[in-house]
Amino acid sequence: MINLSYLLLMGGNPQDPNSGMINLIFLGGIFLVFYFFIIRPQSKQQKEMQQKRDNMKKGDKVVTSSGIIGILNAIEDDSVLVEVGSNVKIRFLKTSITDVNPNKPAKKDK
């Protein structure tokens, strides 16, 4: 386990009292970069997808995490019934839906 005194003493001139502080500022800068370029966009995307799942309605075209594309037939508390073919329905958890396209017309099988 790294002790705080090791972080303060890393690199730089040992005679310079600000050399440890520069390292801490650098580590803080790395954390900010990770937050703004990785953590924040991912949490924003998760909130957006949750909002799409909450606003689903019967007849919307959905894509599941396994790549199955279908039309919502019924929505229950934590699951949905998706029609993937003529008279073929599969039940999925709501969390497995990765995309909802309410405005795209679904193609019917001939």
PDB file of N, CA and C in Angstrom:
ATOM      1  N   MET A   1       0.840  -1.176   0.000  1.00  0.00           N
ATOM      2  CA  MET A   1       0.000   0.000   0.000  1.00  0.00           C
ATOM      3  C   MET A   1       0.884   1.237   0.000  1.00  0.00           C
ATOM      4  N   ILE A   2       0.520   2.183  -0.829  1.00  0.00           N
ATOM      5  CA  ILE A   2       1.346   3.387  -0.969  1.00  0.00           C
ATOM      6  C   ILE A   2       0.997   4.362   0.147  1.00  0.00           C
ATOM      7  N   ASN A   3       2.019   4.796   0.825  1.00  0.00           N
ATOM      8  CA  ASN A   3       1.862   5.757   1.894  1.00  0.00           C
ATOM      9  C   ASN A   3       1.805   7.159   1.297  1.00  0.00           C
ATOM     10  N   LEU A   4       1.086   8.086   1.930  1.00  0.00           N
ATOM     11  CA  LEU A   4       0.955   9.447   1.419  1.00  0.00           C
ATOM     12  C   LEU A   4       2.308  10.140   1.355  1.00  0.00           C
ATOM     13  N   SER A   5       3.197   9.825   2.291  1.00  0.00           N
ATOM     14  CA  SER A   5       4.508  10.467   2.275  1.00  0.00           C
ATOM     15  C   SER A   5       5.310  10.041   1.041  1.00  0.00           C
ATOM     16  N   TYR A   6       5.093   8.793   0.534  1.00  0.00           N
ATOM     17  CA  TYR A   6       5.769   8.382  -0.687  1.00  0.00           C
ATOM     18  C   TYR A   6       5.284   9.200  -1.880  1.00  0.00           C
ATOM     19  N   LEU A   7       3.981   9.495  -1.924  1.00  0.00           N
ATOM     20  CA  LEU A   7       3.451  10.309  -3.021  1.00  0.00           C
ATOM     21  C   LEU A   7       4.011  11.721  -2.983  1.00  0.00           C
ATOM     22  N   LEU A   8       4.176  12.256  -1.786  1.00  0.00           N
ATOM     23  CA  LEU A   8       4.706  13.610  -1.666  1.00  0.00           C
ATOM     24  C   LEU A   8       6.191  13.679  -1.995  1.00  0.00           C
ATOM     25  N   LEU A   9       6.910  12.588  -1.826  1.00  0.00           N
ATOM     26  CA  LEU A   9       8.346  12.588  -2.047  1.00  0.00           C
ATOM     27  C   LEU A   9       8.756  12.095  -3.424  1.00  0.00           C
ATOM     28  N   MET A  10       7.785  11.670  -4.258  1.00  0.00           N
ATOM     29  CA  MET A  10       8.124  11.111  -5.567  1.00  0.00           C
ATOM     30  C   MET A  10       8.700  12.183  -6.489  1.00  0.00           C
ATOM     31  N   GLY A  11       9.784  11.839  -7.157  1.00  0.00           N
ATOM     32  CA  GLY A  11      10.337  12.647  -8.230  1.00  0.00           C
ATOM     33  C   GLY A  11      10.735  14.053  -7.807  1.00  0.00           C
ATOM     34  N   GLY A  12      11.381  14.724  -8.696  1.00  0.00           N
ATOM     35  CA  GLY A  12      11.753  16.114  -8.474  1.00  0.00           C
ATOM     36  C   GLY A  12      12.935  16.261  -7.537  1.00  0.00           C
ATOM     37  N   ASN A  13      13.252  17.504  -7.270  1.00  0.00           N
ATOM     38  CA  ASN A  13      14.360  17.843  -6.406  1.00  0.00           C
ATOM     39  C   ASN A  13      13.926  17.725  -4.947  1.00  0.00           C
ATOM     40  N   PRO A  14      14.628  16.937  -4.138  1.00  0.00           N
ATOM     41  CA  PRO A  14      14.232  16.794  -2.741  1.00  0.00           C
ATOM     42  C   PRO A  14      14.365  18.101  -1.950  1.00  0.00           C
ATOM     43  N   GLN A  15      15.162  19.050  -2.444  1.00  0.00           N
ATOM     44  CA  GLN A  15      15.336  20.328  -1.759  1.00  0.00           C
ATOM     45  C   GLN A  15      14.161  21.269  -2.031  1.00  0.00           C
ATOM     46  N   ASP A  16      13.409  21.001  -3.116  1.00  0.00           N
ATOM     47  CA  ASP A  16      12.283  21.861  -3.488  1.00  0.00           C
ATOM     48  C   ASP A  16      11.031  21.402  -2.744  1.00  0.00           C
ATOM     49  N   PRO A  17      10.438  22.255  -1.900  1.00  0.00           N
ATOM     50  CA  PRO A  17       9.252  21.827  -1.139  1.00  0.00           C
ATOM     51  C   PRO A  17       8.000  21.661  -1.999  1.00  0.00           C
ATOM     52  N   ASN A  18       7.992  22.184  -3.213  1.00  0.00           N
ATOM     53  CA  ASN A  18       6.813  22.094  -4.072  1.00  0.00           C
ATOM     54  C   ASN A  18       6.837  20.889  -5.015  1.00  0.00           C
ATOM     55  N   SER A  19       7.894  20.095  -4.997  1.00  0.00           N
ATOM     56  CA  SER A  19       7.987  18.981  -5.948  1.00  0.00           C
ATOM     57  C   SER A  19       6.914  17.918  -5.679  1.00  0.00           C
ATOM     58  N   GLY A  20       6.588  17.650  -4.444  1.00  0.00           N
ATOM     59  CA  GLY A  20       5.538  16.682  -4.119  1.00  0.00           C
ATOM     60  C   GLY A  20       4.161  17.192  -4.493  1.00  0.00           C
ATOM     61  N   MET A  21       3.952  18.485  -4.340  1.00  0.00           N
ATOM     62  CA  MET A  21       2.662  19.078  -4.674  1.00  0.00           C
ATOM     63  C   MET A  21       2.406  19.014  -6.176  1.00  0.00           C
ATOM     64  N   ILE A  22       3.439  19.143  -6.977  1.00  0.00           N
ATOM     65  CA  ILE A  22       3.285  19.055  -8.438  1.00  0.00           C
ATOM     66  C   ILE A  22       2.799  17.672  -8.831  1.00  0.00           C
ATOM     67  N   ASN A  23       3.312  16.649  -8.173  1.00  0.00           N
ATOM     68  CA  ASN A  23       2.858  15.277  -8.451  1.00  0.00           C
ATOM     69  C   ASN A  23       1.391  15.095  -8.086  1.00  0.00           C
ATOM     70  N   LEU A  24       0.961  15.659  -6.963  1.00  0.00           N
ATOM     71  CA  LEU A  24      -0.443  15.556  -6.577  1.00  0.00           C
ATOM     72  C   LEU A  24      -1.348  16.286  -7.565  1.00  0.00           C
ATOM     73  N   ILE A  25      -0.896  17.429  -8.037  1.00  0.00           N
ATOM     74  CA  ILE A  25      -1.677  18.172  -9.037  1.00  0.00           C
ATOM     75  C   ILE A  25      -1.767  17.358 -10.325  1.00  0.00           C
ATOM     76  N   PHE A  26      -0.701  16.715 -10.707  1.00  0.00           N
ATOM     77  CA  PHE A  26      -0.703  15.869 -11.906  1.00  0.00           C
ATOM     78  C   PHE A  26      -1.681  14.707 -11.754  1.00  0.00           C
ATOM     79  N   LEU A  27      -1.675  14.039 -10.600  1.00  0.00           N
ATOM     80  CA  LEU A  27      -2.612  12.942 -10.354  1.00  0.00           C
ATOM     81  C   LEU A  27      -4.059  13.437 -10.367  1.00  0.00           C
ATOM     82  N   GLY A  28      -4.283  14.605  -9.798  1.00  0.00           N
ATOM     83  CA  GLY A  28      -5.630  15.196  -9.841  1.00  0.00           C
ATOM     84  C   GLY A  28      -6.057  15.510 -11.256  1.00  0.00           C
ATOM     85  N   GLY A  29      -5.129  15.988 -12.084  1.00  0.00           N
ATOM     86  CA  GLY A  29      -5.436  16.262 -13.489  1.00  0.00           C
ATOM     87  C   GLY A  29      -5.800  14.995 -14.246  1.00  0.00           C
ATOM     88  N   ILE A  30      -5.098  13.910 -13.964  1.00  0.00           N
ATOM     89  CA  ILE A  30      -5.424  12.627 -14.605  1.00  0.00           C
ATOM     90  C   ILE A  30      -6.825  12.184 -14.204  1.00  0.00           C
ATOM     91  N   PHE A  31      -7.178  12.347 -12.930  1.00  0.00           N
ATOM     92  CA  PHE A  31      -8.518  11.981 -12.477  1.00  0.00           C
ATOM     93  C   PHE A  31      -9.579  12.814 -13.200  1.00  0.00           C
ATOM     94  N   LEU A  32      -9.355  14.112 -13.357  1.00  0.00           N
ATOM     95  CA  LEU A  32     -10.313  14.971 -14.061  1.00  0.00           C
ATOM     96  C   LEU A  32     -10.489  14.546 -15.515  1.00  0.00           C
ATOM     97  N   VAL A  33      -9.396  14.184 -16.169  1.00  0.00           N
ATOM     98  CA  VAL A  33      -9.486  13.725 -17.561  1.00  0.00           C
ATOM     99  C   VAL A  33     -10.318  12.452 -17.635  1.00  0.00           C
ATOM    100  N   PHE A  34     -10.070  11.501 -16.742  1.00  0.00           N
ATOM    101  CA  PHE A  34     -10.862  10.274 -16.727  1.00  0.00           C
ATOM    102  C   PHE A  34     -12.334  10.582 -16.479  1.00  0.00           C
ATOM    103  N   TYR A  35     -12.616  11.500 -15.558  1.00  0.00           N
ATOM    104  CA  TYR A  35     -14.006  11.816 -15.238  1.00  0.00           C
ATOM    105  C   TYR A  35     -14.720  12.425 -16.444  1.00  0.00           C
ATOM    106  N   PHE A  36     -14.122  13.425 -17.068  1.00  0.00           N
ATOM    107  CA  PHE A  36     -14.810  14.138 -18.143  1.00  0.00           C
ATOM    108  C   PHE A  36     -14.840  13.382 -19.467  1.00  0.00           C
ATOM    109  N   PHE A  37     -13.910  12.475 -19.700  1.00  0.00           N
ATOM    110  CA  PHE A  37     -13.885  11.760 -20.978  1.00  0.00           C
ATOM    111  C   PHE A  37     -14.388  10.321 -20.899  1.00  0.00           C
ATOM    112  N   ILE A  38     -14.494   9.742 -19.708  1.00  0.00           N
ATOM    113  CA  ILE A  38     -14.929   8.350 -19.600  1.00  0.00           C
ATOM    114  C   ILE A  38     -16.157   8.210 -18.696  1.00  0.00           C
ATOM    115  N   ILE A  39     -16.060   8.632 -17.461  1.00  0.00           N
ATOM    116  CA  ILE A  39     -17.120   8.378 -16.482  1.00  0.00           C
ATOM    117  C   ILE A  39     -18.380   9.187 -16.786  1.00  0.00           C
ATOM    118  N   ARG A  40     -18.247  10.480 -17.017  1.00  0.00           N
ATOM    119  CA  ARG A  40     -19.408  11.339 -17.236  1.00  0.00           C
ATOM    120  C   ARG A  40     -20.194  10.976 -18.489  1.00  0.00           C
ATOM    121  N   PRO A  41     -19.556  10.782 -19.660  1.00  0.00           N
ATOM    122  CA  PRO A  41     -20.341  10.399 -20.837  1.00  0.00           C
ATOM    123  C   PRO A  41     -21.040   9.050 -20.686  1.00  0.00           C
ATOM    124  N   GLN A  42     -20.398   8.104 -20.009  1.00  0.00           N
ATOM    125  CA  GLN A  42     -21.008   6.796 -19.831  1.00  0.00           C
ATOM    126  C   GLN A  42     -22.238   6.883 -18.933  1.00  0.00           C
ATOM    127  N   SER A  43     -22.167   7.638 -17.853  1.00  0.00           N
ATOM    128  CA  SER A  43     -23.336   7.768 -16.979  1.00  0.00           C
ATOM    129  C   SER A  43     -24.451   8.546 -17.680  1.00  0.00           C
ATOM    130  N   LYS A  44     -24.096   9.506 -18.513  1.00  0.00           N
ATOM    131  CA  LYS A  44     -25.099  10.241 -19.285  1.00  0.00           C
ATOM    132  C   LYS A  44     -25.803   9.312 -20.275  1.00  0.00           C
ATOM    133  N   GLN A  45     -25.050   8.438 -20.919  1.00  0.00           N
ATOM    134  CA  GLN A  45     -25.624   7.482 -21.862  1.00  0.00           C
ATOM    135  C   GLN A  45     -26.540   6.491 -21.139  1.00  0.00           C
ATOM    136  N   GLN A  46     -26.161   6.042 -19.948  1.00  0.00           N
ATOM    137  CA  GLN A  46     -26.997   5.117 -19.181  1.00  0.00           C
ATOM    138  C   GLN A  46     -28.305   5.773 -18.766  1.00  0.00           C
ATOM    139  N   LYS A  47     -28.262   7.042 -18.352  1.00  0.00           N
ATOM    140  CA  LYS A  47     -29.480   7.751 -17.982  1.00  0.00           C
ATOM    141  C   LYS A  47     -30.393   7.921 -19.193  1.00  0.00           C
ATOM    142  N   GLU A  48     -29.821   8.224 -20.348  1.00  0.00           N
ATOM    143  CA  GLU A  48     -30.602   8.382 -21.571  1.00  0.00           C
ATOM    144  C   GLU A  48     -31.291   7.076 -21.968  1.00  0.00           C
ATOM    145  N   MET A  49     -30.577   5.959 -21.866  1.00  0.00           N
ATOM    146  CA  MET A  49     -31.163   4.664 -22.209  1.00  0.00           C
ATOM    147  C   MET A  49     -32.252   4.279 -21.212  1.00  0.00           C
ATOM    148  N   GLN A  50     -32.052   4.588 -19.930  1.00  0.00           N
ATOM    149  CA  GLN A  50     -33.079   4.307 -18.933  1.00  0.00           C
ATOM    150  C   GLN A  50     -34.344   5.113 -19.219  1.00  0.00           C
ATOM    151  N   GLN A  51     -34.177   6.339 -19.657  1.00  0.00           N
ATOM    152  CA  GLN A  51     -35.325   7.173 -20.006  1.00  0.00           C
ATOM    153  C   GLN A  51     -36.062   6.586 -21.216  1.00  0.00           C
ATOM    154  N   LYS A  52     -35.319   6.092 -22.208  1.00  0.00           N
ATOM    155  CA  LYS A  52     -35.950   5.446 -23.364  1.00  0.00           C
ATOM    156  C   LYS A  52     -36.733   4.206 -22.939  1.00  0.00           C
ATOM    157  N   ARG A  53     -36.158   3.404 -22.029  1.00  0.00           N
ATOM    158  CA  ARG A  53     -36.854   2.204 -21.544  1.00  0.00           C
ATOM    159  C   ARG A  53     -38.133   2.571 -20.795  1.00  0.00           C
ATOM    160  N   ASP A  54     -38.080   3.653 -20.027  1.00  0.00           N
ATOM    161  CA  ASP A  54     -39.258   4.066 -19.271  1.00  0.00           C
ATOM    162  C   ASP A  54     -40.374   4.580 -20.182  1.00  0.00           C
ATOM    163  N   ASN A  55     -40.023   5.124 -21.346  1.00  0.00           N
ATOM    164  CA  ASN A  55     -41.008   5.698 -22.259  1.00  0.00           C
ATOM    165  C   ASN A  55     -41.423   4.739 -23.374  1.00  0.00           C
ATOM    166  N   MET A  56     -41.066   3.449 -23.281  1.00  0.00           N
ATOM    167  CA  MET A  56     -41.455   2.481 -24.305  1.00  0.00           C
ATOM    168  C   MET A  56     -42.963   2.294 -24.306  1.00  0.00           C
ATOM    169  N   LYS A  57     -43.491   2.002 -25.484  1.00  0.00           N
ATOM    170  CA  LYS A  57     -44.911   1.681 -25.584  1.00  0.00           C
ATOM    171  C   LYS A  57     -45.090   0.578 -26.612  1.00  0.00           C
ATOM    172  N   LYS A  58     -46.259  -0.009 -26.602  1.00  0.00           N
ATOM    173  CA  LYS A  58     -46.555  -1.110 -27.512  1.00  0.00           C
ATOM    174  C   LYS A  58     -46.406  -0.634 -28.958  1.00  0.00           C
ATOM    175  N   GLY A  59     -45.744  -1.453 -29.778  1.00  0.00           N
ATOM    176  CA  GLY A  59     -45.541  -1.139 -31.183  1.00  0.00           C
ATOM    177  C   GLY A  59     -44.180  -0.545 -31.487  1.00  0.00           C
ATOM    178  N   ASP A  60     -43.385  -0.195 -30.463  1.00  0.00           N
ATOM    179  CA  ASP A  60     -42.041   0.332 -30.687  1.00  0.00           C
ATOM    180  C   ASP A  60     -41.113  -0.773 -31.159  1.00  0.00           C
ATOM    181  N   LYS A  61     -40.186  -0.408 -32.023  1.00  0.00           N
ATOM    182  CA  LYS A  61     -39.170  -1.341 -32.498  1.00  0.00           C
ATOM    183  C   LYS A  61     -38.013  -1.304 -31.503  1.00  0.00           C
ATOM    184  N   VAL A  62     -37.562  -2.477 -31.023  1.00  0.00           N
ATOM    185  CA  VAL A  62     -36.502  -2.538 -30.022  1.00  0.00           C
ATOM    186  C   VAL A  62     -35.383  -3.471 -30.480  1.00  0.00           C
ATOM    187  N   VAL A  63     -34.206  -3.222 -29.922  1.00  0.00           N
ATOM    188  CA  VAL A  63     -33.046  -4.084 -30.145  1.00  0.00           C
ATOM    189  C   VAL A  63     -32.571  -4.535 -28.775  1.00  0.00           C
ATOM    190  N   THR A  64     -32.327  -5.841 -28.618  1.00  0.00           N
ATOM    191  CA  THR A  64     -31.872  -6.367 -27.335  1.00  0.00           C
ATOM    192  C   THR A  64     -30.350  -6.471 -27.318  1.00  0.00           C
ATOM    193  N   SER A  65     -29.803  -6.751 -26.150  1.00  0.00           N
ATOM    194  CA  SER A  65     -28.352  -6.877 -26.010  1.00  0.00           C
ATOM    195  C   SER A  65     -27.805  -8.077 -26.775  1.00  0.00           C
ATOM    196  N   SER A  66     -28.662  -9.047 -27.067  1.00  0.00           N
ATOM    197  CA  SER A  66     -28.212 -10.209 -27.836  1.00  0.00           C
ATOM    198  C   SER A  66     -28.373  -9.997 -29.338  1.00  0.00           C
ATOM    199  N   GLY A  67     -28.854  -8.813 -29.747  1.00  0.00           N
ATOM    200  CA  GLY A  67     -28.956  -8.496 -31.162  1.00  0.00           C
ATOM    201  C   GLY A  67     -30.284  -8.849 -31.795  1.00  0.00           C
ATOM    202  N   ILE A  68     -31.264  -9.217 -31.008  1.00  0.00           N
ATOM    203  CA  ILE A  68     -32.576  -9.569 -31.543  1.00  0.00           C
ATOM    204  C   ILE A  68     -33.382  -8.292 -31.744  1.00  0.00           C
ATOM    205  N   ILE A  69     -33.958  -8.154 -32.930  1.00  0.00           N
ATOM    206  CA  ILE A  69     -34.756  -6.986 -33.275  1.00  0.00           C
ATOM    207  C   ILE A  69     -36.210  -7.418 -33.356  1.00  0.00           C
ATOM    208  N   GLY A  70     -37.092  -6.663 -32.731  1.00  0.00           N
ATOM    209  CA  GLY A  70     -38.498  -7.015 -32.757  1.00  0.00           C
ATOM    210  C   GLY A  70     -39.383  -5.844 -32.392  1.00  0.00           C
ATOM    211  N   ILE A  71     -40.664  -6.130 -32.287  1.00  0.00           N
ATOM    212  CA  ILE A  71     -41.670  -5.127 -31.967  1.00  0.00           C
ATOM    213  C   ILE A  71     -42.246  -5.444 -30.591  1.00  0.00           C
ATOM    214  N   LEU A  72     -42.365  -4.420 -29.760  1.00  0.00           N
ATOM    215  CA  LEU A  72     -42.937  -4.622 -28.432  1.00  0.00           C
ATOM    216  C   LEU A  72     -44.393  -5.009 -28.540  1.00  0.00           C
ATOM    217  N   ASN A  73     -44.738  -6.081 -27.868  1.00  0.00           N
ATOM    218  CA  ASN A  73     -46.111  -6.555 -27.879  1.00  0.00           C
ATOM    219  C   ASN A  73     -46.796  -6.278 -26.548  1.00  0.00           C
ATOM    220  N   ALA A  74     -46.069  -6.432 -25.439  1.00  0.00           N
ATOM    221  CA  ALA A  74     -46.623  -6.167 -24.112  1.00  0.00           C
ATOM    222  C   ALA A  74     -45.498  -5.725 -23.182  1.00  0.00           C
ATOM    223  N   ILE A  75     -45.846  -4.841 -22.247  1.00  0.00           N
ATOM    224  CA  ILE A  75     -44.874  -4.337 -21.277  1.00  0.00           C
ATOM    225  C   ILE A  75     -45.398  -4.642 -19.882  1.00  0.00           C
ATOM    226  N   GLU A  76     -44.558  -5.299 -19.083  1.00  0.00           N
ATOM    227  CA  GLU A  76     -44.906  -5.607 -17.702  1.00  0.00           C
ATOM    228  C   GLU A  76     -43.963  -4.844 -16.781  1.00  0.00           C
ATOM    229  N   ASP A  77     -43.948  -5.190 -15.495  1.00  0.00           N
ATOM    230  CA  ASP A  77     -43.142  -4.453 -14.521  1.00  0.00           C
ATOM    231  C   ASP A  77     -41.661  -4.448 -14.871  1.00  0.00           C
ATOM    232  N   ASP A  78     -41.063  -5.631 -14.994  1.00  0.00           N
ATOM    233  CA  ASP A  78     -39.629  -5.713 -15.261  1.00  0.00           C
ATOM    234  C   ASP A  78     -39.300  -6.488 -16.533  1.00  0.00           C
ATOM    235  N   SER A  79     -40.316  -6.868 -17.300  1.00  0.00           N
ATOM    236  CA  SER A  79     -40.074  -7.621 -18.527  1.00  0.00           C
ATOM    237  C   SER A  79     -40.962  -7.105 -19.651  1.00  0.00           C
ATOM    238  N   VAL A  80     -40.607  -7.473 -20.864  1.00  0.00           N
ATOM    239  CA  VAL A  80     -41.379  -7.097 -22.047  1.00  0.00           C
ATOM    240  C   VAL A  80     -41.559  -8.326 -22.925  1.00  0.00           C
ATOM    241  N   LEU A  81     -42.614  -8.327 -23.719  1.00  0.00           N
ATOM    242  CA  LEU A  81     -42.876  -9.386 -24.680  1.00  0.00           C
ATOM    243  C   LEU A  81     -42.604  -8.804 -26.061  1.00  0.00           C
ATOM    244  N   VAL A  82     -41.634  -9.389 -26.769  1.00  0.00           N
ATOM    245  CA  VAL A  82     -41.204  -8.871 -28.063  1.00  0.00           C
ATOM    246  C   VAL A  82     -41.595  -9.857 -29.147  1.00  0.00           C
ATOM    247  N   GLU A  83     -42.241  -9.345 -30.182  1.00  0.00           N
ATOM    248  CA  GLU A  83     -42.606 -10.178 -31.332  1.00  0.00           C
ATOM    249  C   GLU A  83     -41.472 -10.090 -32.344  1.00  0.00           C
ATOM    250  N   VAL A  84     -40.856 -11.248 -32.632  1.00  0.00           N
ATOM    251  CA  VAL A  84     -39.702 -11.279 -33.526  1.00  0.00           C
ATOM    252  C   VAL A  84     -40.036 -11.858 -34.894  1.00  0.00           C
ATOM    253  N   GLY A  85     -41.196 -12.423 -35.047  1.00  0.00           N
ATOM    254  CA  GLY A  85     -41.633 -12.987 -36.320  1.00  0.00           C
ATOM    255  C   GLY A  85     -43.140 -13.128 -36.282  1.00  0.00           C
ATOM    256  N   SER A  86     -43.697 -13.719 -37.319  1.00  0.00           N
ATOM    257  CA  SER A  86     -45.139 -13.898 -37.311  1.00  0.00           C
ATOM    258  C   SER A  86     -45.499 -14.945 -36.257  1.00  0.00           C
ATOM    259  N   ASN A  87     -46.225 -14.506 -35.243  1.00  0.00           N
ATOM    260  CA  ASN A  87     -46.659 -15.327 -34.113  1.00  0.00           C
ATOM    261  C   ASN A  87     -45.506 -15.929 -33.308  1.00  0.00           C
ATOM    262  N   VAL A  88     -44.352 -15.298 -33.312  1.00  0.00           N
ATOM    263  CA  VAL A  88     -43.206 -15.728 -32.498  1.00  0.00           C
ATOM    264  C   VAL A  88     -42.912 -14.603 -31.513  1.00  0.00           C
ATOM    265  N   LYS A  89     -43.108 -14.881 -30.233  1.00  0.00           N
ATOM    266  CA  LYS A  89     -42.915 -13.873 -29.189  1.00  0.00           C
ATOM    267  C   LYS A  89     -41.910 -14.386 -28.172  1.00  0.00           C
ATOM    268  N   ILE A  90     -41.046 -13.475 -27.725  1.00  0.00           N
ATOM    269  CA  ILE A  90     -40.014 -13.811 -26.744  1.00  0.00           C
ATOM    270  C   ILE A  90     -40.105 -12.810 -25.604  1.00  0.00           C
ATOM    271  N   ARG A  91     -39.958 -13.304 -24.359  1.00  0.00           N
ATOM    272  CA  ARG A  91     -39.983 -12.419 -23.198  1.00  0.00           C
ATOM    273  C   ARG A  91     -38.546 -12.056 -22.815  1.00  0.00           C
ATOM    274  N   PHE A  92     -38.309 -10.767 -22.600  1.00  0.00           N
ATOM    275  CA  PHE A  92     -37.000 -10.248 -22.212  1.00  0.00           C
ATOM    276  C   PHE A  92     -37.149  -9.375 -20.975  1.00  0.00           C
ATOM    277  N   LEU A  93     -36.057  -9.242 -20.218  1.00  0.00           N
ATOM    278  CA  LEU A  93     -36.011  -8.255 -19.156  1.00  0.00           C
ATOM    279  C   LEU A  93     -35.856  -6.873 -19.789  1.00  0.00           C
ATOM    280  N   LYS A  94     -36.392  -5.870 -19.158  1.00  0.00           N
ATOM    281  CA  LYS A  94     -36.273  -4.513 -19.703  1.00  0.00           C
ATOM    282  C   LYS A  94     -34.815  -4.068 -19.785  1.00  0.00           C
ATOM    283  N   THR A  95     -34.003  -4.538 -18.856  1.00  0.00           N
ATOM    284  CA  THR A  95     -32.604  -4.123 -18.847  1.00  0.00           C
ATOM    285  C   THR A  95     -31.812  -4.682 -20.022  1.00  0.00           C
ATOM    286  N   SER A  96     -32.335  -5.703 -20.703  1.00  0.00           N
ATOM    287  CA  SER A  96     -31.614  -6.263 -21.852  1.00  0.00           C
ATOM    288  C   SER A  96     -31.889  -5.492 -23.138  1.00  0.00           C
ATOM    289  N   ILE A  97     -32.768  -4.505 -23.098  1.00  0.00           N
ATOM    290  CA  ILE A  97     -33.053  -3.697 -24.287  1.00  0.00           C
ATOM    291  C   ILE A  97     -31.999  -2.605 -24.390  1.00  0.00           C
ATOM    292  N   THR A  98     -31.319  -2.554 -25.538  1.00  0.00           N
ATOM    293  CA  THR A  98     -30.246  -1.593 -25.730  1.00  0.00           C
ATOM    294  C   THR A  98     -30.627  -0.433 -26.632  1.00  0.00           C
ATOM    295  N   ASP A  99     -31.721  -0.543 -27.389  1.00  0.00           N
ATOM    296  CA  ASP A  99     -32.134   0.550 -28.255  1.00  0.00           C
ATOM    297  C   ASP A  99     -33.642   0.490 -28.463  1.00  0.00           C
ATOM    298  N   VAL A 100     -34.267   1.658 -28.469  1.00  0.00           N
ATOM    299  CA  VAL A 100     -35.705   1.774 -28.712  1.00  0.00           C
ATOM    300  C   VAL A 100     -35.891   2.762 -29.844  1.00  0.00           C
ATOM    301  N   ASN A 101     -36.591   2.335 -30.892  1.00  0.00           N
ATOM    302  CA  ASN A 101     -36.838   3.185 -32.057  1.00  0.00           C
ATOM    303  C   ASN A 101     -38.343   3.327 -32.266  1.00  0.00           C
ATOM    304  N   PRO A 102     -38.970   4.304 -31.623  1.00  0.00           N
ATOM    305  CA  PRO A 102     -40.424   4.407 -31.738  1.00  0.00           C
ATOM    306  C   PRO A 102     -40.890   4.887 -33.099  1.00  0.00           C
ATOM    307  N   ASN A 103     -40.065   5.600 -33.849  1.00  0.00           N
ATOM    308  CA  ASN A 103     -40.507   6.187 -35.111  1.00  0.00           C
ATOM    309  C   ASN A 103     -40.194   5.336 -36.331  1.00  0.00           C
ATOM    310  N   LYS A 104     -39.418   4.271 -36.164  1.00  0.00           N
ATOM    311  CA  LYS A 104     -39.070   3.424 -37.307  1.00  0.00           C
ATOM    312  C   LYS A 104     -40.147   2.375 -37.511  1.00  0.00           C
ATOM    313  N   PRO A 105     -40.712   2.327 -38.701  1.00  0.00           N
ATOM    314  CA  PRO A 105     -41.706   1.265 -38.954  1.00  0.00           C
ATOM    315  C   PRO A 105     -41.020  -0.088 -39.058  1.00  0.00           C
ATOM    316  N   ALA A 106     -41.611  -1.073 -38.456  1.00  0.00           N
ATOM    317  CA  ALA A 106     -41.054  -2.418 -38.493  1.00  0.00           C
ATOM    318  C   ALA A 106     -41.442  -3.073 -39.811  1.00  0.00           C
ATOM    319  N   LYS A 107     -40.513  -3.816 -40.387  1.00  0.00           N
ATOM    320  CA  LYS A 107     -40.789  -4.531 -41.624  1.00  0.00           C
ATOM    321  C   LYS A 107     -41.544  -5.811 -41.300  1.00  0.00           C
ATOM    322  N   LYS A 108     -42.585  -6.045 -42.014  1.00  0.00           N
ATOM    323  CA  LYS A 108     -43.362  -7.270 -41.834  1.00  0.00           C
ATOM    324  C   LYS A 108     -42.813  -8.367 -42.735  1.00  0.00           C
ATOM    325  N   ASP A 109     -42.812  -9.599 -42.214  1.00  0.00           N
ATOM    326  CA  ASP A 109     -42.377 -10.745 -43.015  1.00  0.00           C
ATOM    327  C   ASP A 109     -43.434 -11.039 -44.076  1.00  0.00           C
ATOM    328  N   LYS A 110     -42.966 -11.430 -45.248  1.00  0.00           N
ATOM    329  CA  LYS A 110     -43.904 -11.734 -46.350  1.00  0.00           C
ATOM    330  C   LYS A 110     -44.249 -13.184 -46.364  1.00  0.00           C
TER     331      LYS A 110
END
